[in-house]
PDB file of N, CA and C in Angstrom:
ATOM      1  N   MET A   1      59.598 115.136-203.396  1.00  0.00           N
ATOM      2  CA  MET A   1      59.042 116.000-202.359  1.00  0.00           C
ATOM      3  C   MET A   1      60.117 117.017-201.967  1.00  0.00           C
ATOM      4  N   SER A   2      59.698 118.232-201.713  1.00  0.00           N
ATOM      5  CA  SER A   2      60.642 119.265-201.305  1.00  0.00           C
ATOM      6  C   SER A   2      61.188 118.978-199.904  1.00  0.00           C
ATOM      7  N   ILE A   3      62.322 119.561-199.604  1.00  0.00           N
ATOM      8  CA  ILE A   3      62.921 119.393-198.276  1.00  0.00           C
ATOM      9  C   ILE A   3      61.990 119.940-197.203  1.00  0.00           C
ATOM     10  N   ILE A   4      61.415 121.110-197.458  1.00  0.00           N
ATOM     11  CA  ILE A   4      60.525 121.726-196.464  1.00  0.00           C
ATOM     12  C   ILE A   4      59.271 120.876-196.258  1.00  0.00           C
ATOM     13  N   SER A   5      58.679 120.393-197.332  1.00  0.00           N
ATOM     14  CA  SER A   5      57.490 119.530-197.201  1.00  0.00           C
ATOM     15  C   SER A   5      57.814 118.264-196.414  1.00  0.00           C
ATOM     16  N   ALA A   6      58.950 117.658-196.714  1.00  0.00           N
ATOM     17  CA  ALA A   6      59.355 116.444-195.996  1.00  0.00           C
ATOM     18  C   ALA A   6      59.594 116.748-194.521  1.00  0.00           C
ATOM     19  N   TYR A   7      60.223 117.891-194.234  1.00  0.00           N
ATOM     20  CA  TYR A   7      60.471 118.310-192.845  1.00  0.00           C
ATOM     21  C   TYR A   7      59.139 118.511-192.113  1.00  0.00           C
ATOM     22  N   ASN A   8      58.211 119.234-192.734  1.00  0.00           N
ATOM     23  CA  ASN A   8      56.912 119.487-192.098  1.00  0.00           C
ATOM     24  C   ASN A   8      56.169 118.183-191.820  1.00  0.00           C
ATOM     25  N   GLU A   9      56.199 117.273-192.778  1.00  0.00           N
ATOM     26  CA  GLU A   9      55.513 115.988-192.604  1.00  0.00           C
ATOM     27  C   GLU A   9      56.150 115.174-191.472  1.00  0.00           C
ATOM     28  N   ALA A  10      57.481 115.127-191.453  1.00  0.00           N
ATOM     29  CA  ALA A  10      58.174 114.375-190.395  1.00  0.00           C
ATOM     30  C   ALA A  10      57.905 114.997-189.029  1.00  0.00           C
ATOM     31  N   TRP A  11      57.921 116.335-188.942  1.00  0.00           N
ATOM     32  CA  TRP A  11      57.663 117.013-187.673  1.00  0.00           C
ATOM     33  C   TRP A  11      56.246 116.707-187.193  1.00  0.00           C
ATOM     34  N   GLU A  12      55.282 116.821-188.097  1.00  0.00           N
ATOM     35  CA  GLU A  12      53.883 116.568-187.740  1.00  0.00           C
ATOM     36  C   GLU A  12      53.690 115.151-187.217  1.00  0.00           C
ATOM     37  N   ASN A  13      54.407 114.205-187.791  1.00  0.00           N
ATOM     38  CA  ASN A  13      54.293 112.802-187.384  1.00  0.00           C
ATOM     39  C   ASN A  13      55.254 112.422-186.260  1.00  0.00           C
ATOM     40  N   LYS A  14      56.014 113.396-185.767  1.00  0.00           N
ATOM     41  CA  LYS A  14      57.026 113.151-184.737  1.00  0.00           C
ATOM     42  C   LYS A  14      57.959 112.016-185.158  1.00  0.00           C
ATOM     43  N   ASP A  15      58.290 112.010-186.444  1.00  0.00           N
ATOM     44  CA  ASP A  15      59.149 110.983-187.026  1.00  0.00           C
ATOM     45  C   ASP A  15      60.601 111.442-186.924  1.00  0.00           C
ATOM     46  N   VAL A  16      61.203 111.196-185.767  1.00  0.00           N
ATOM     47  CA  VAL A  16      62.558 111.664-185.487  1.00  0.00           C
ATOM     48  C   VAL A  16      63.562 111.036-186.451  1.00  0.00           C
ATOM     49  N   LYS A  17      63.334 109.802-186.845  1.00  0.00           N
ATOM     50  CA  LYS A  17      64.237 109.145-187.788  1.00  0.00           C
ATOM     51  C   LYS A  17      64.240 109.872-189.139  1.00  0.00           C
ATOM     52  N   ALA A  18      63.064 110.227-189.634  1.00  0.00           N
ATOM     53  CA  ALA A  18      62.979 110.964-190.901  1.00  0.00           C
ATOM     54  C   ALA A  18      63.601 112.347-190.766  1.00  0.00           C
ATOM     55  N   LEU A  19      63.361 113.011-189.632  1.00  0.00           N
ATOM     56  CA  LEU A  19      63.967 114.326-189.403  1.00  0.00           C
ATOM     57  C   LEU A  19      65.489 114.231-189.394  1.00  0.00           C
ATOM     58  N   ALA A  20      66.010 113.175-188.793  1.00  0.00           N
ATOM     59  CA  ALA A  20      67.467 112.995-188.735  1.00  0.00           C
ATOM     60  C   ALA A  20      68.063 112.884-190.133  1.00  0.00           C
ATOM     61  N   GLU A  21      67.308 112.336-191.068  1.00  0.00           N
ATOM     62  CA  GLU A  21      67.772 112.235-192.459  1.00  0.00           C
ATOM     63  C   GLU A  21      67.694 113.563-193.191  1.00  0.00           C
ATOM     64  N   LEU A  22      66.850 114.473-192.719  1.00  0.00           N
ATOM     65  CA  LEU A  22      66.645 115.763-193.383  1.00  0.00           C
ATOM     66  C   LEU A  22      67.515 116.875-192.817  1.00  0.00           C
ATOM     67  N   ILE A  23      68.034 116.675-191.616  1.00  0.00           N
ATOM     68  CA  ILE A  23      68.817 117.709-190.938  1.00  0.00           C
ATOM     69  C   ILE A  23      70.293 117.351-191.013  1.00  0.00           C
ATOM     70  N   HIS A  24      71.076 118.261-191.520  1.00  0.00           N
ATOM     71  CA  HIS A  24      72.526 118.072-191.664  1.00  0.00           C
ATOM     72  C   HIS A  24      73.161 117.927-190.282  1.00  0.00           C
ATOM     73  N   ASP A  25      74.198 117.110-190.174  1.00  0.00           N
ATOM     74  CA  ASP A  25      74.877 116.909-188.891  1.00  0.00           C
ATOM     75  C   ASP A  25      75.426 118.213-188.311  1.00  0.00           C
ATOM     76  N   ASP A  26      75.774 119.166-189.161  1.00  0.00           N
ATOM     77  CA  ASP A  26      76.325 120.447-188.717  1.00  0.00           C
ATOM     78  C   ASP A  26      75.277 121.543-188.632  1.00  0.00           C
ATOM     79  N   CYS A  27      74.006 121.174-188.603  1.00  0.00           N
ATOM     80  CA  CYS A  27      72.914 122.155-188.595  1.00  0.00           C
ATOM     81  C   CYS A  27      72.968 123.063-187.366  1.00  0.00           C
ATOM     82  N   VAL A  28      72.654 124.322-187.609  1.00  0.00           N
ATOM     83  CA  VAL A  28      72.500 125.315-186.554  1.00  0.00           C
ATOM     84  C   VAL A  28      71.104 125.910-186.705  1.00  0.00           C
ATOM     85  N   PHE A  29      70.351 125.915-185.614  1.00  0.00           N
ATOM     86  CA  PHE A  29      69.010 126.496-185.601  1.00  0.00           C
ATOM     87  C   PHE A  29      69.021 127.673-184.632  1.00  0.00           C
ATOM     88  N   ASN A  30      68.706 128.856-185.148  1.00  0.00           N
ATOM     89  CA  ASN A  30      68.599 130.074-184.344  1.00  0.00           C
ATOM     90  C   ASN A  30      67.130 130.472-184.278  1.00  0.00           C
ATOM     91  N   PRO A  31      66.413 130.002-183.240  1.00  0.00           N
ATOM     92  CA  PRO A  31      65.002 130.362-183.123  1.00  0.00           C
ATOM     93  C   PRO A  31      64.846 131.817-182.682  1.00  0.00           C
ATOM     94  N   HIS A  32      63.642 132.298-182.811  1.00  0.00           N
ATOM     95  CA  HIS A  32      63.342 133.702-182.541  1.00  0.00           C
ATOM     96  C   HIS A  32      63.198 134.014-181.054  1.00  0.00           C
ATOM     97  N   VAL A  33      63.432 133.096-180.184  1.00  0.00           N
ATOM     98  CA  VAL A  33      63.255 133.335-178.748  1.00  0.00           C
ATOM     99  C   VAL A  33      64.548 133.093-177.974  1.00  0.00           C
ATOM    100  N   GLY A  34      64.771 133.917-176.997  1.00  0.00           N
ATOM    101  CA  GLY A  34      65.775 133.673-175.978  1.00  0.00           C
ATOM    102  C   GLY A  34      67.232 133.663-176.371  1.00  0.00           C
ATOM    103  N   GLY A  35      67.598 134.034-177.586  1.00  0.00           N
ATOM    104  CA  GLY A  35      68.993 134.040-177.964  1.00  0.00           C
ATOM    105  C   GLY A  35      69.635 132.664-177.913  1.00  0.00           C
ATOM    106  N   VAL A  36      68.851 131.640-178.101  1.00  0.00           N
ATOM    107  CA  VAL A  36      69.309 130.257-178.033  1.00  0.00           C
ATOM    108  C   VAL A  36      69.773 129.807-179.417  1.00  0.00           C
ATOM    109  N   THR A  37      70.782 128.966-179.453  1.00  0.00           N
ATOM    110  CA  THR A  37      71.186 128.289-180.681  1.00  0.00           C
ATOM    111  C   THR A  37      71.081 126.799-180.430  1.00  0.00           C
ATOM    112  N   MET A  38      70.440 126.103-181.372  1.00  0.00           N
ATOM    113  CA  MET A  38      70.223 124.669-181.210  1.00  0.00           C
ATOM    114  C   MET A  38      71.000 123.895-182.266  1.00  0.00           C
ATOM    115  N   SER A  39      71.425 122.684-181.891  1.00  0.00           N
ATOM    116  CA  SER A  39      72.125 121.775-182.802  1.00  0.00           C
ATOM    117  C   SER A  39      71.131 120.738-183.332  1.00  0.00           C
ATOM    118  N   LYS A  40      71.615 119.864-184.185  1.00  0.00           N
ATOM    119  CA  LYS A  40      70.776 118.790-184.707  1.00  0.00           C
ATOM    120  C   LYS A  40      70.201 117.952-183.571  1.00  0.00           C
ATOM    121  N   SER A  41      71.018 117.576-182.613  1.00  0.00           N
ATOM    122  CA  SER A  41      70.516 116.739-181.512  1.00  0.00           C
ATOM    123  C   SER A  41      69.475 117.474-180.682  1.00  0.00           C
ATOM    124  N   ASP A  42      69.636 118.783-180.503  1.00  0.00           N
ATOM    125  CA  ASP A  42      68.633 119.576-179.782  1.00  0.00           C
ATOM    126  C   ASP A  42      67.298 119.562-180.528  1.00  0.00           C
ATOM    127  N   ILE A  43      67.366 119.756-181.845  1.00  0.00           N
ATOM    128  CA  ILE A  43      66.153 119.776-182.661  1.00  0.00           C
ATOM    129  C   ILE A  43      65.444 118.427-182.591  1.00  0.00           C
ATOM    130  N   LEU A  44      66.195 117.355-182.728  1.00  0.00           N
ATOM    131  CA  LEU A  44      65.594 116.021-182.698  1.00  0.00           C
ATOM    132  C   LEU A  44      64.981 115.716-181.331  1.00  0.00           C
ATOM    133  N   GLY A  45      65.650 116.140-180.256  1.00  0.00           N
ATOM    134  CA  GLY A  45      65.103 115.951-178.916  1.00  0.00           C
ATOM    135  C   GLY A  45      63.815 116.723-178.721  1.00  0.00           C
ATOM    136  N   PHE A  46      63.785 117.939-179.231  1.00  0.00           N
ATOM    137  CA  PHE A  46      62.594 118.787-179.129  1.00  0.00           C
ATOM    138  C   PHE A  46      61.455 118.203-179.954  1.00  0.00           C
ATOM    139  N   ALA A  47      61.752 117.741-181.158  1.00  0.00           N
ATOM    140  CA  ALA A  47      60.721 117.195-182.045  1.00  0.00           C
ATOM    141  C   ALA A  47      60.066 115.954-181.460  1.00  0.00           C
ATOM    142  N   GLY A  48      60.831 115.140-180.753  1.00  0.00           N
ATOM    143  CA  GLY A  48      60.297 113.904-180.201  1.00  0.00           C
ATOM    144  C   GLY A  48      59.664 114.045-178.838  1.00  0.00           C
ATOM    145  N   SER A  49      59.706 115.253-178.271  1.00  0.00           N
ATOM    146  CA  SER A  49      59.185 115.453-176.919  1.00  0.00           C
ATOM    147  C   SER A  49      57.681 115.711-176.918  1.00  0.00           C
ATOM    148  N   ASP A  50      57.096 115.637-175.734  1.00  0.00           N
ATOM    149  CA  ASP A  50      55.680 115.962-175.577  1.00  0.00           C
ATOM    150  C   ASP A  50      55.439 117.465-175.679  1.00  0.00           C
ATOM    151  N   ASN A  51      56.498 118.256-175.603  1.00  0.00           N
ATOM    152  CA  ASN A  51      56.369 119.718-175.651  1.00  0.00           C
ATOM    153  C   ASN A  51      56.618 120.299-177.036  1.00  0.00           C
ATOM    154  N   SER A  52      56.709 119.456-178.037  1.00  0.00           N
ATOM    155  CA  SER A  52      56.986 119.990-179.373  1.00  0.00           C
ATOM    156  C   SER A  52      55.778 120.768-179.882  1.00  0.00           C
ATOM    157  N   PRO A  53      56.039 121.892-180.538  1.00  0.00           N
ATOM    158  CA  PRO A  53      54.928 122.684-181.064  1.00  0.00           C
ATOM    159  C   PRO A  53      54.281 121.989-182.259  1.00  0.00           C
ATOM    160  N   ARG A  54      53.056 122.375-182.549  1.00  0.00           N
ATOM    161  CA  ARG A  54      52.389 121.874-183.745  1.00  0.00           C
ATOM    162  C   ARG A  54      52.071 123.069-184.634  1.00  0.00           C
ATOM    163  N   SER A  55      52.055 122.840-185.912  1.00  0.00           N
ATOM    164  CA  SER A  55      51.823 123.941-186.837  1.00  0.00           C
ATOM    165  C   SER A  55      50.643 123.646-187.750  1.00  0.00           C
ATOM    166  N   GLU A  56      50.117 124.699-188.316  1.00  0.00           N
ATOM    167  CA  GLU A  56      49.051 124.590-189.299  1.00  0.00           C
ATOM    168  C   GLU A  56      49.249 125.692-190.331  1.00  0.00           C
ATOM    169  N   GLN A  57      48.501 125.600-191.400  1.00  0.00           N
ATOM    170  CA  GLN A  57      48.597 126.571-192.487  1.00  0.00           C
ATOM    171  C   GLN A  57      50.042 126.685-192.996  1.00  0.00           C
ATOM    172  N   ASN A  58      50.729 125.554-193.080  1.00  0.00           N
ATOM    173  CA  ASN A  58      52.109 125.540-193.561  1.00  0.00           C
ATOM    174  C   ASN A  58      52.147 125.933-195.035  1.00  0.00           C
ATOM    175  N   ARG A  59      52.996 126.901-195.336  1.00  0.00           N
ATOM    176  CA  ARG A  59      53.152 127.348-196.720  1.00  0.00           C
ATOM    177  C   ARG A  59      54.632 127.463-197.047  1.00  0.00           C
ATOM    178  N   ILE A  60      54.992 127.005-198.215  1.00  0.00           N
ATOM    179  CA  ILE A  60      56.348 127.206-198.719  1.00  0.00           C
ATOM    180  C   ILE A  60      56.298 128.434-199.607  1.00  0.00           C
ATOM    181  N   LEU A  61      57.006 129.474-199.202  1.00  0.00           N
ATOM    182  CA  LEU A  61      57.005 130.713-199.974  1.00  0.00           C
ATOM    183  C   LEU A  61      58.041 130.685-201.089  1.00  0.00           C
ATOM    184  N   PHE A  62      59.147 129.986-200.836  1.00  0.00           N
ATOM    185  CA  PHE A  62      60.194 129.848-201.840  1.00  0.00           C
ATOM    186  C   PHE A  62      61.076 128.680-201.444  1.00  0.00           C
ATOM    187  N   GLU A  63      61.497 127.912-202.440  1.00  0.00           N
ATOM    188  CA  GLU A  63      62.458 126.840-202.176  1.00  0.00           C
ATOM    189  C   GLU A  63      63.199 126.505-203.458  1.00  0.00           C
ATOM    190  N   ASN A  64      64.520 126.406-203.346  1.00  0.00           N
ATOM    191  CA  ASN A  64      65.338 125.867-204.426  1.00  0.00           C
ATOM    192  C   ASN A  64      66.369 124.939-203.792  1.00  0.00           C
ATOM    193  N   ASP A  65      67.437 124.594-204.488  1.00  0.00           N
ATOM    194  CA  ASP A  65      68.420 123.658-203.944  1.00  0.00           C
ATOM    195  C   ASP A  65      69.289 124.259-202.844  1.00  0.00           C
ATOM    196  N   GLU A  66      69.264 125.585-202.715  1.00  0.00           N
ATOM    197  CA  GLU A  66      70.148 126.258-201.754  1.00  0.00           C
ATOM    198  C   GLU A  66      69.437 126.805-200.527  1.00  0.00           C
ATOM    199  N   VAL A  67      68.211 127.335-200.708  1.00  0.00           N
ATOM    200  CA  VAL A  67      67.503 127.972-199.592  1.00  0.00           C
ATOM    201  C   VAL A  67      66.009 127.704-199.668  1.00  0.00           C
ATOM    202  N   GLY A  68      65.341 127.933-198.540  1.00  0.00           N
ATOM    203  CA  GLY A  68      63.892 127.836-198.485  1.00  0.00           C
ATOM    204  C   GLY A  68      63.334 128.830-197.492  1.00  0.00           C
ATOM    205  N   VAL A  69      62.137 129.313-197.773  1.00  0.00           N
ATOM    206  CA  VAL A  69      61.430 130.229-196.885  1.00  0.00           C
ATOM    207  C   VAL A  69      60.017 129.676-196.702  1.00  0.00           C
ATOM    208  N   ALA A  70      59.601 129.558-195.454  1.00  0.00           N
ATOM    209  CA  ALA A  70      58.285 128.988-195.157  1.00  0.00           C
ATOM    210  C   ALA A  70      57.571 129.832-194.112  1.00  0.00           C
ATOM    211  N   HIS A  71      56.252 129.678-194.056  1.00  0.00           N
ATOM    212  CA  HIS A  71      55.434 130.392-193.082  1.00  0.00           C
ATOM    213  C   HIS A  71      54.382 129.437-192.536  1.00  0.00           C
ATOM    214  N   SER A  72      54.090 129.553-191.245  1.00  0.00           N
ATOM    215  CA  SER A  72      53.047 128.736-190.633  1.00  0.00           C
ATOM    216  C   SER A  72      52.544 129.404-189.366  1.00  0.00           C
ATOM    217  N   VAL A  73      51.427 128.919-188.883  1.00  0.00           N
ATOM    218  CA  VAL A  73      50.912 129.309-187.573  1.00  0.00           C
ATOM    219  C   VAL A  73      51.307 128.188-186.623  1.00  0.00           C
ATOM    220  N   VAL A  74      52.008 128.564-185.549  1.00  0.00           N
ATOM    221  CA  VAL A  74      52.557 127.572-184.630  1.00  0.00           C
ATOM    222  C   VAL A  74      51.885 127.696-183.272  1.00  0.00           C
ATOM    223  N   HIS A  75      51.487 126.567-182.730  1.00  0.00           N
ATOM    224  CA  HIS A  75      50.860 126.478-181.411  1.00  0.00           C
ATOM    225  C   HIS A  75      51.831 125.737-180.498  1.00  0.00           C
ATOM    226  N   PHE A  76      52.141 126.338-179.369  1.00  0.00           N
ATOM    227  CA  PHE A  76      53.142 125.794-178.460  1.00  0.00           C
ATOM    228  C   PHE A  76      52.497 125.051-177.303  1.00  0.00           C
ATOM    229  N   ALA A  77      53.164 124.017-176.830  1.00  0.00           N
ATOM    230  CA  ALA A  77      52.644 123.177-175.753  1.00  0.00           C
ATOM    231  C   ALA A  77      52.920 123.775-174.374  1.00  0.00           C
ATOM    232  N   ASN A  78      53.714 124.853-174.305  1.00  0.00           N
ATOM    233  CA  ASN A  78      54.095 125.404-172.999  1.00  0.00           C
ATOM    234  C   ASN A  78      53.203 126.565-172.568  1.00  0.00           C
ATOM    235  N   ASP A  79      52.005 126.643-173.126  1.00  0.00           N
ATOM    236  CA  ASP A  79      51.012 127.658-172.775  1.00  0.00           C
ATOM    237  C   ASP A  79      51.353 129.066-173.246  1.00  0.00           C
ATOM    238  N   SER A  80      52.371 129.232-174.090  1.00  0.00           N
ATOM    239  CA  SER A  80      52.567 130.556-174.670  1.00  0.00           C
ATOM    240  C   SER A  80      51.573 130.695-175.816  1.00  0.00           C
ATOM    241  N   ASP A  81      51.372 131.913-176.238  1.00  0.00           N
ATOM    242  CA  ASP A  81      50.402 132.165-177.293  1.00  0.00           C
ATOM    243  C   ASP A  81      50.909 131.668-178.638  1.00  0.00           C
ATOM    244  N   SER A  82      49.987 131.416-179.522  1.00  0.00           N
ATOM    245  CA  SER A  82      50.334 130.995-180.869  1.00  0.00           C
ATOM    246  C   SER A  82      51.006 132.143-181.608  1.00  0.00           C
ATOM    247  N   GLU A  83      51.835 131.787-182.588  1.00  0.00           N
ATOM    248  CA  GLU A  83      52.580 132.778-183.349  1.00  0.00           C
ATOM    249  C   GLU A  83      52.521 132.450-184.836  1.00  0.00           C
ATOM    250  N   ALA A  84      52.598 133.501-185.640  1.00  0.00           N
ATOM    251  CA  ALA A  84      52.812 133.338-187.069  1.00  0.00           C
ATOM    252  C   ALA A  84      54.328 133.320-187.247  1.00  0.00           C
ATOM    253  N   VAL A  85      54.868 132.224-187.765  1.00  0.00           N
ATOM    254  CA  VAL A  85      56.323 132.027-187.801  1.00  0.00           C
ATOM    255  C   VAL A  85      56.824 131.975-189.249  1.00  0.00           C
ATOM    256  N   MET A  86      57.833 132.788-189.512  1.00  0.00           N
ATOM    257  CA  MET A  86      58.535 132.779-190.788  1.00  0.00           C
ATOM    258  C   MET A  86      59.853 132.051-190.563  1.00  0.00           C
ATOM    259  N   SER A  87      60.165 131.095-191.420  1.00  0.00           N
ATOM    260  CA  SER A  87      61.398 130.316-191.301  1.00  0.00           C
ATOM    261  C   SER A  87      62.244 130.485-192.558  1.00  0.00           C
ATOM    262  N   PHE A  88      63.526 130.692-192.339  1.00  0.00           N
ATOM    263  CA  PHE A  88      64.497 130.711-193.429  1.00  0.00           C
ATOM    264  C   PHE A  88      65.409 129.510-193.239  1.00  0.00           C
ATOM    265  N   MET A  89      65.652 128.763-194.302  1.00  0.00           N
ATOM    266  CA  MET A  89      66.507 127.582-194.234  1.00  0.00           C
ATOM    267  C   MET A  89      67.547 127.624-195.342  1.00  0.00           C
ATOM    268  N   ARG A  90      68.747 127.204-194.995  1.00  0.00           N
ATOM    269  CA  ARG A  90      69.812 127.027-195.983  1.00  0.00           C
ATOM    270  C   ARG A  90      70.071 125.522-196.071  1.00  0.00           C
ATOM    271  N   PHE A  91      70.272 125.034-197.300  1.00  0.00           N
ATOM    272  CA  PHE A  91      70.461 123.608-197.534  1.00  0.00           C
ATOM    273  C   PHE A  91      71.895 123.313-197.963  1.00  0.00           C
ATOM    274  N   LYS A  92      72.376 122.144-197.566  1.00  0.00           N
ATOM    275  CA  LYS A  92      73.677 121.637-198.007  1.00  0.00           C
ATOM    276  C   LYS A  92      73.537 120.130-198.169  1.00  0.00           C
ATOM    277  N   ASP A  93      73.954 119.622-199.297  1.00  0.00           N
ATOM    278  CA  ASP A  93      73.861 118.187-199.574  1.00  0.00           C
ATOM    279  C   ASP A  93      72.435 117.672-199.440  1.00  0.00           C
ATOM    280  N   GLY A  94      71.452 118.507-199.796  1.00  0.00           N
ATOM    281  CA  GLY A  94      70.050 118.103-199.740  1.00  0.00           C
ATOM    282  C   GLY A  94      69.454 118.041-198.354  1.00  0.00           C
ATOM    283  N   LYS A  95      70.154 118.651-197.379  1.00  0.00           N
ATOM    284  CA  LYS A  95      69.685 118.648-195.989  1.00  0.00           C
ATOM    285  C   LYS A  95      69.688 120.074-195.438  1.00  0.00           C
ATOM    286  N   ILE A  96      68.959 120.283-194.353  1.00  0.00           N
ATOM    287  CA  ILE A  96      68.903 121.595-193.706  1.00  0.00           C
ATOM    288  C   ILE A  96      70.162 121.776-192.868  1.00  0.00           C
ATOM    289  N   ILE A  97      70.941 122.817-193.180  1.00  0.00           N
ATOM    290  CA  ILE A  97      72.165 123.085-192.424  1.00  0.00           C
ATOM    291  C   ILE A  97      72.023 124.345-191.572  1.00  0.00           C
ATOM    292  N   LEU A  98      71.062 125.195-191.895  1.00  0.00           N
ATOM    293  CA  LEU A  98      70.811 126.409-191.116  1.00  0.00           C
ATOM    294  C   LEU A  98      69.322 126.685-191.130  1.00  0.00           C
ATOM    295  N   MET A  99      68.789 127.044-189.964  1.00  0.00           N
ATOM    296  CA  MET A  99      67.400 127.479-189.887  1.00  0.00           C
ATOM    297  C   MET A  99      67.318 128.640-188.918  1.00  0.00           C
ATOM    298  N   GLU A 100      66.589 129.666-189.325  1.00  0.00           N
ATOM    299  CA  GLU A 100      66.322 130.813-188.461  1.00  0.00           C
ATOM    300  C   GLU A 100      64.846 131.139-188.565  1.00  0.00           C
ATOM    301  N   THR A 101      64.276 131.589-187.443  1.00  0.00           N
ATOM    302  CA  THR A 101      62.861 131.939-187.455  1.00  0.00           C
ATOM    303  C   THR A 101      62.653 133.352-186.927  1.00  0.00           C
ATOM    304  N   GLY A 102      61.550 133.934-187.356  1.00  0.00           N
ATOM    305  CA  GLY A 102      61.038 135.184-186.834  1.00  0.00           C
ATOM    306  C   GLY A 102      59.553 134.977-186.627  1.00  0.00           C
ATOM    307  N   ALA A 103      58.960 135.674-185.668  1.00  0.00           N
ATOM    308  CA  ALA A 103      57.560 135.394-185.353  1.00  0.00           C
ATOM    309  C   ALA A 103      56.791 136.642-184.979  1.00  0.00           C
ATOM    310  N   THR A 104      55.493 136.567-185.212  1.00  0.00           N
ATOM    311  CA  THR A 104      54.555 137.606-184.811  1.00  0.00           C
ATOM    312  C   THR A 104      53.530 136.965-183.891  1.00  0.00           C
ATOM    313  N   PRO A 105      53.396 137.483-182.664  1.00  0.00           N
ATOM    314  CA  PRO A 105      52.386 136.948-181.740  1.00  0.00           C
ATOM    315  C   PRO A 105      50.979 137.150-182.303  1.00  0.00           C
ATOM    316  N   LEU A 106      50.090 136.224-181.984  1.00  0.00           N
ATOM    317  CA  LEU A 106      48.729 136.297-182.496  1.00  0.00           C
ATOM    318  C   LEU A 106      47.708 136.690-181.437  1.00  0.00           C
ATOM    319  N   SER A 107      48.166 137.313-180.349  1.00  0.00           N
ATOM    320  CA  SER A 107      47.228 137.848-179.356  1.00  0.00           C
ATOM    321  C   SER A 107      47.747 139.198-178.862  1.00  0.00           C
ATOM    322  N   GLU A 108      46.833 140.057-178.456  1.00  0.00           N
ATOM    323  CA  GLU A 108      47.218 141.401-178.032  1.00  0.00           C
ATOM    324  C   GLU A 108      47.961 141.405-176.705  1.00  0.00           C
ATOM    325  N   ASP A 109      47.685 140.448-175.835  1.00  0.00           N
ATOM    326  CA  ASP A 109      48.316 140.420-174.510  1.00  0.00           C
ATOM    327  C   ASP A 109      49.475 139.425-174.465  1.00  0.00           C
ATOM    328  N   TYR A 110      50.108 139.221-175.589  1.00  0.00           N
ATOM    329  CA  TYR A 110      51.196 138.250-175.714  1.00  0.00           C
ATOM    330  C   TYR A 110      52.334 138.541-174.766  1.00  0.00           C
ATOM    331  N   LYS A 111      52.818 137.502-174.110  1.00  0.00           N
ATOM    332  CA  LYS A 111      54.021 137.577-173.276  1.00  0.00           C
ATOM    333  C   LYS A 111      54.858 136.362-173.598  1.00  0.00           C
ATOM    334  N   LEU A 112      56.093 136.593-173.952  1.00  0.00           N
ATOM    335  CA  LEU A 112      57.003 135.501-174.267  1.00  0.00           C
ATOM    336  C   LEU A 112      57.255 134.690-173.013  1.00  0.00           C
ATOM    337  N   VAL A 113      57.025 133.394-173.072  1.00  0.00           N
ATOM    338  CA  VAL A 113      57.249 132.522-171.928  1.00  0.00           C
ATOM    339  C   VAL A 113      58.726 132.630-171.521  1.00  0.00           C
ATOM    340  N   GLY A 114      58.964 132.850-170.229  1.00  0.00           N
ATOM    341  CA  GLY A 114      60.324 132.952-169.720  1.00  0.00           C
ATOM    342  C   GLY A 114      60.881 134.357-169.742  1.00  0.00           C
ATOM    343  N   SER A 115      60.120 135.338-170.212  1.00  0.00           N
ATOM    344  CA  SER A 115      60.642 136.706-170.304  1.00  0.00           C
ATOM    345  C   SER A 115      60.330 137.533-169.072  1.00  0.00           C
ATOM    346  N   GLU A 116      59.611 136.968-168.145  1.00  0.00           N
ATOM    347  CA  GLU A 116      59.240 137.729-166.931  1.00  0.00           C
ATOM    348  C   GLU A 116      60.172 137.415-165.783  1.00  0.00           C
TER     349      GLU A 116
END
């Protein structure tokens, strides 16, 4: 199974133990909101919370042993609008060591939660 497929499956099942095996200890996640940088522990805490987003239409656009690019529609639990999210991942030792996302809002009246 690809790293991205395994990550998506673990996230969907809120399987924090499986995610911990897929995410490198030195992982850095730069999401598309708020200029925040997250660590492995931040990601695992978010994945196991009641506020974790859910995704659908997950597609792997490219993946090899070094990098992966994926796209999905993400629905957030904090009442922000759904987004089409593009993810770029860099792999090291078969684990995700870097992840960055970019997103397109899926509603015309979109407002980023926390931006007001």
